[in-house]
Amino acid sequence: DVQLQASGGGLVQAGESLRLSCATTGLTFDDEVIGWFRQAPGKEREGVICIDNRDGTKYWPDSVEGRFTISSDSAKNTVYLQMNSLEPEDTAVYYCAAGGRSEFGLEASLGFPTLFPHWGQGTQVTVSS
């Protein structure tokens, strides 16, 4: 049974940092594409960043360039999202997801959340100005 448990959200001020964790069980962890997504009230779910654990390649959109990084610890079956220089626009519920491998690469994976069959429960990130 696959389970993903996201944690680490909270309330911070603009410019501060947070690290989210996604602890997984039941996956062939080292073979997975794992992504972070977020959904703000009234908006569609959007991809934030993802990693292919097969070879460590990563993809992120310009909106988080230089601020967000993703890392993977295979000993703990856990993926981390480090978020720096947070902005009020980053306020959302953050979800981790697994299994979204696309033949078109990580950019395609991140662009289509429906590719991911396994999802965590979400963790709230609120950034005050």
C-alpha atoms as a PDB file:
ATOM      1  CA  ASP A   1       0.000   0.000   0.000  1.00  0.00           C
ATOM      2  CA  VAL A   2       1.516   3.295  -1.117  1.00  0.00           C
ATOM      3  CA  GLN A   3       1.392   6.182   1.330  1.00  0.00           C
ATOM      4  CA  LEU A   4       2.800   9.696   1.170  1.00  0.00           C
ATOM      5  CA  GLN A   5       2.889  11.927   4.223  1.00  0.00           C
ATOM      6  CA  ALA A   6       3.616  15.604   3.684  1.00  0.00           C
ATOM      7  CA  SER A   7       4.651  17.773   6.614  1.00  0.00           C
ATOM      8  CA  GLY A   8       6.493  20.949   7.516  1.00  0.00           C
ATOM      9  CA  GLY A   9       4.047  23.634   6.524  1.00  0.00           C
ATOM     10  CA  GLY A  10       3.303  26.641   8.640  1.00  0.00           C
ATOM     11  CA  LEU A  11       2.917  30.390   8.875  1.00  0.00           C
ATOM     12  CA  VAL A  12       5.963  32.480   8.000  1.00  0.00           C
ATOM     13  CA  GLN A  13       6.713  36.023   7.009  1.00  0.00           C
ATOM     14  CA  ALA A  14       7.775  37.055   3.536  1.00  0.00           C
ATOM     15  CA  GLY A  15      11.445  36.393   2.965  1.00  0.00           C
ATOM     16  CA  GLU A  16      11.626  33.487   5.395  1.00  0.00           C
ATOM     17  CA  SER A  17      12.163  29.812   4.653  1.00  0.00           C
ATOM     18  CA  LEU A  18      10.415  26.502   5.177  1.00  0.00           C
ATOM     19  CA  ARG A  19      11.361  22.914   4.479  1.00  0.00           C
ATOM     20  CA  LEU A  20       8.632  20.480   3.612  1.00  0.00           C
ATOM     21  CA  SER A  21       9.062  16.733   3.892  1.00  0.00           C
ATOM     22  CA  CYS A  22       7.331  13.957   2.005  1.00  0.00           C
ATOM     23  CA  ALA A  23       7.785  10.613   3.715  1.00  0.00           C
ATOM     24  CA  THR A  24       6.829   7.677   1.531  1.00  0.00           C
ATOM     25  CA  THR A  25       6.111   3.995   2.033  1.00  0.00           C
ATOM     26  CA  GLY A  26       5.224   1.253  -0.393  1.00  0.00           C
ATOM     27  CA  LEU A  27       7.121   2.755  -3.346  1.00  0.00           C
ATOM     28  CA  THR A  28      10.094   1.546  -5.278  1.00  0.00           C
ATOM     29  CA  PHE A  29      11.556   4.823  -4.133  1.00  0.00           C
ATOM     30  CA  ASP A  30      14.712   4.897  -6.222  1.00  0.00           C
ATOM     31  CA  ASP A  31      12.677   4.326  -9.386  1.00  0.00           C
ATOM     32  CA  GLU A  32      10.090   7.035  -8.836  1.00  0.00           C
ATOM     33  CA  VAL A  33       9.344  10.502 -10.125  1.00  0.00           C
ATOM     34  CA  ILE A  34       8.208  12.537  -7.137  1.00  0.00           C
ATOM     35  CA  GLY A  35       6.784  16.003  -7.393  1.00  0.00           C
ATOM     36  CA  TRP A  36       5.532  18.842  -5.270  1.00  0.00           C
ATOM     37  CA  PHE A  37       2.374  20.647  -6.258  1.00  0.00           C
ATOM     38  CA  ARG A  38       0.426  23.461  -4.682  1.00  0.00           C
ATOM     39  CA  GLN A  39      -3.099  24.759  -4.774  1.00  0.00           C
ATOM     40  CA  ALA A  40      -4.175  28.177  -3.633  1.00  0.00           C
ATOM     41  CA  PRO A  41      -7.829  29.009  -2.929  1.00  0.00           C
ATOM     42  CA  GLY A  42      -9.747  29.458  -6.145  1.00  0.00           C
ATOM     43  CA  LYS A  43      -6.842  28.349  -8.305  1.00  0.00           C
ATOM     44  CA  GLU A  44      -5.910  25.166 -10.091  1.00  0.00           C
ATOM     45  CA  ARG A  45      -3.277  22.841  -8.763  1.00  0.00           C
ATOM     46  CA  GLU A  46       0.131  23.733 -10.177  1.00  0.00           C
ATOM     47  CA  GLY A  47       3.433  21.938 -10.300  1.00  0.00           C
ATOM     48  CA  VAL A  48       6.208  23.382  -8.154  1.00  0.00           C
ATOM     49  CA  ILE A  49       9.183  21.082  -8.607  1.00  0.00           C
ATOM     50  CA  CYS A  50       9.924  17.429  -9.207  1.00  0.00           C
ATOM     51  CA  ILE A  51      12.752  14.925  -9.138  1.00  0.00           C
ATOM     52  CA  ASP A  52      13.450  11.677 -10.946  1.00  0.00           C
ATOM     53  CA  ASN A  53      15.028   9.391  -8.368  1.00  0.00           C
ATOM     54  CA  ARG A  54      16.471   7.152 -11.091  1.00  0.00           C
ATOM     55  CA  ASP A  55      19.107   9.689 -12.026  1.00  0.00           C
ATOM     56  CA  GLY A  56      18.540  12.711  -9.779  1.00  0.00           C
ATOM     57  CA  THR A  57      17.380  15.015 -12.532  1.00  0.00           C
ATOM     58  CA  LYS A  58      15.080  17.810 -11.452  1.00  0.00           C
ATOM     59  CA  TYR A  59      12.718  20.263 -13.019  1.00  0.00           C
ATOM     60  CA  TRP A  60      11.127  23.450 -11.787  1.00  0.00           C
ATOM     61  CA  PRO A  61       9.353  26.363 -13.445  1.00  0.00           C
ATOM     62  CA  ASP A  62      10.658  29.903 -13.601  1.00  0.00           C
ATOM     63  CA  SER A  63       8.321  30.972 -10.806  1.00  0.00           C
ATOM     64  CA  VAL A  64      10.458  29.182  -8.208  1.00  0.00           C
ATOM     65  CA  GLU A  65      13.841  29.536  -9.889  1.00  0.00           C
ATOM     66  CA  GLY A  66      16.532  30.353  -7.345  1.00  0.00           C
ATOM     67  CA  ARG A  67      14.159  29.981  -4.385  1.00  0.00           C
ATOM     68  CA  PHE A  68      12.968  26.369  -4.209  1.00  0.00           C
ATOM     69  CA  THR A  69      15.059  23.219  -4.312  1.00  0.00           C
ATOM     70  CA  ILE A  70      14.195  19.547  -4.090  1.00  0.00           C
ATOM     71  CA  SER A  71      16.251  16.746  -2.619  1.00  0.00           C
ATOM     72  CA  SER A  72      15.778  13.053  -2.052  1.00  0.00           C
ATOM     73  CA  ASP A  73      17.007  10.761   0.730  1.00  0.00           C
ATOM     74  CA  SER A  74      16.736   7.145  -0.356  1.00  0.00           C
ATOM     75  CA  ALA A  75      17.744   5.873   3.087  1.00  0.00           C
ATOM     76  CA  LYS A  76      14.637   7.525   4.519  1.00  0.00           C
ATOM     77  CA  ASN A  77      12.392   7.218   1.439  1.00  0.00           C
ATOM     78  CA  THR A  78      11.759  10.921   1.871  1.00  0.00           C
ATOM     79  CA  VAL A  79      11.775  13.877  -0.479  1.00  0.00           C
ATOM     80  CA  TYR A  80      12.317  17.419   0.744  1.00  0.00           C
ATOM     81  CA  LEU A  81      11.227  20.774  -0.622  1.00  0.00           C
ATOM     82  CA  GLN A  82      13.369  23.630   0.599  1.00  0.00           C
ATOM     83  CA  MET A  83      11.634  26.953   0.082  1.00  0.00           C
ATOM     84  CA  ASN A  84      13.588  30.163   0.560  1.00  0.00           C
ATOM     85  CA  SER A  85      12.669  33.801   0.079  1.00  0.00           C
ATOM     86  CA  LEU A  86       9.020  32.953   0.430  1.00  0.00           C
ATOM     87  CA  GLU A  87       6.484  35.371  -0.996  1.00  0.00           C
ATOM     88  CA  PRO A  88       2.799  35.865  -0.161  1.00  0.00           C
ATOM     89  CA  GLU A  89       2.053  34.418  -3.608  1.00  0.00           C
ATOM     90  CA  ASP A  90       3.494  31.110  -2.399  1.00  0.00           C
ATOM     91  CA  THR A  91       0.612  30.704   0.027  1.00  0.00           C
ATOM     92  CA  ALA A  92      -1.148  27.433  -0.780  1.00  0.00           C
ATOM     93  CA  VAL A  93      -1.684  23.869   0.288  1.00  0.00           C
ATOM     94  CA  TYR A  94       1.370  21.914  -0.801  1.00  0.00           C
ATOM     95  CA  TYR A  95       1.074  18.300  -1.896  1.00  0.00           C
ATOM     96  CA  CYS A  96       3.649  15.691  -2.741  1.00  0.00           C
ATOM     97  CA  ALA A  97       2.898  13.084  -5.350  1.00  0.00           C
ATOM     98  CA  ALA A  98       4.606  10.025  -6.789  1.00  0.00           C
ATOM     99  CA  GLY A  99       4.467   7.912  -9.895  1.00  0.00           C
ATOM    100  CA  GLY A 100       4.226  10.647 -12.513  1.00  0.00           C
ATOM    101  CA  ARG A 101       6.783   9.445 -15.010  1.00  0.00           C
ATOM    102  CA  SER A 102       6.202  10.784 -18.523  1.00  0.00           C
ATOM    103  CA  GLU A 103       7.913   9.738 -21.730  1.00  0.00           C
ATOM    104  CA  PHE A 104       8.143  13.459 -22.485  1.00  0.00           C
ATOM    105  CA  GLY A 105      10.246  14.237 -19.435  1.00  0.00           C
ATOM    106  CA  LEU A 106       9.913  16.000 -16.118  1.00  0.00           C
ATOM    107  CA  GLU A 107       8.482  19.198 -17.516  1.00  0.00           C
ATOM    108  CA  ALA A 108       5.564  17.185 -18.827  1.00  0.00           C
ATOM    109  CA  SER A 109       5.234  15.357 -15.527  1.00  0.00           C
ATOM    110  CA  LEU A 110       4.989  18.599 -13.612  1.00  0.00           C
ATOM    111  CA  GLY A 111       2.532  20.049 -16.084  1.00  0.00           C
ATOM    112  CA  PHE A 112       0.038  17.236 -15.723  1.00  0.00           C
ATOM    113  CA  PRO A 113      -0.796  16.397 -12.112  1.00  0.00           C
ATOM    114  CA  THR A 114      -3.147  13.681 -13.336  1.00  0.00           C
ATOM    115  CA  LEU A 115      -0.096  11.639 -14.314  1.00  0.00           C
ATOM    116  CA  PHE A 116       0.600  11.063 -10.618  1.00  0.00           C
ATOM    117  CA  PRO A 117      -1.437   8.208  -9.106  1.00  0.00           C
ATOM    118  CA  HIS A 118      -0.209   8.619  -5.518  1.00  0.00           C
ATOM    119  CA  TRP A 119      -0.773  11.749  -3.421  1.00  0.00           C
ATOM    120  CA  GLY A 120      -0.111  12.897   0.092  1.00  0.00           C
ATOM    121  CA  GLN A 121      -2.662  14.747   2.163  1.00  0.00           C
ATOM    122  CA  GLY A 122      -1.236  18.258   1.779  1.00  0.00           C
ATOM    123  CA  THR A 123       0.332  20.722   4.167  1.00  0.00           C
ATOM    124  CA  GLN A 124      -0.637  24.382   4.455  1.00  0.00           C
ATOM    125  CA  VAL A 125       1.949  27.067   3.784  1.00  0.00           C
ATOM    126  CA  THR A 126       0.946  30.626   4.594  1.00  0.00           C
ATOM    127  CA  VAL A 127       3.250  33.540   3.894  1.00  0.00           C
ATOM    128  CA  SER A 128       2.342  36.882   5.400  1.00  0.00           C
ATOM    129  CA  SER A 129       3.521  40.178   3.964  1.00  0.00           C
END
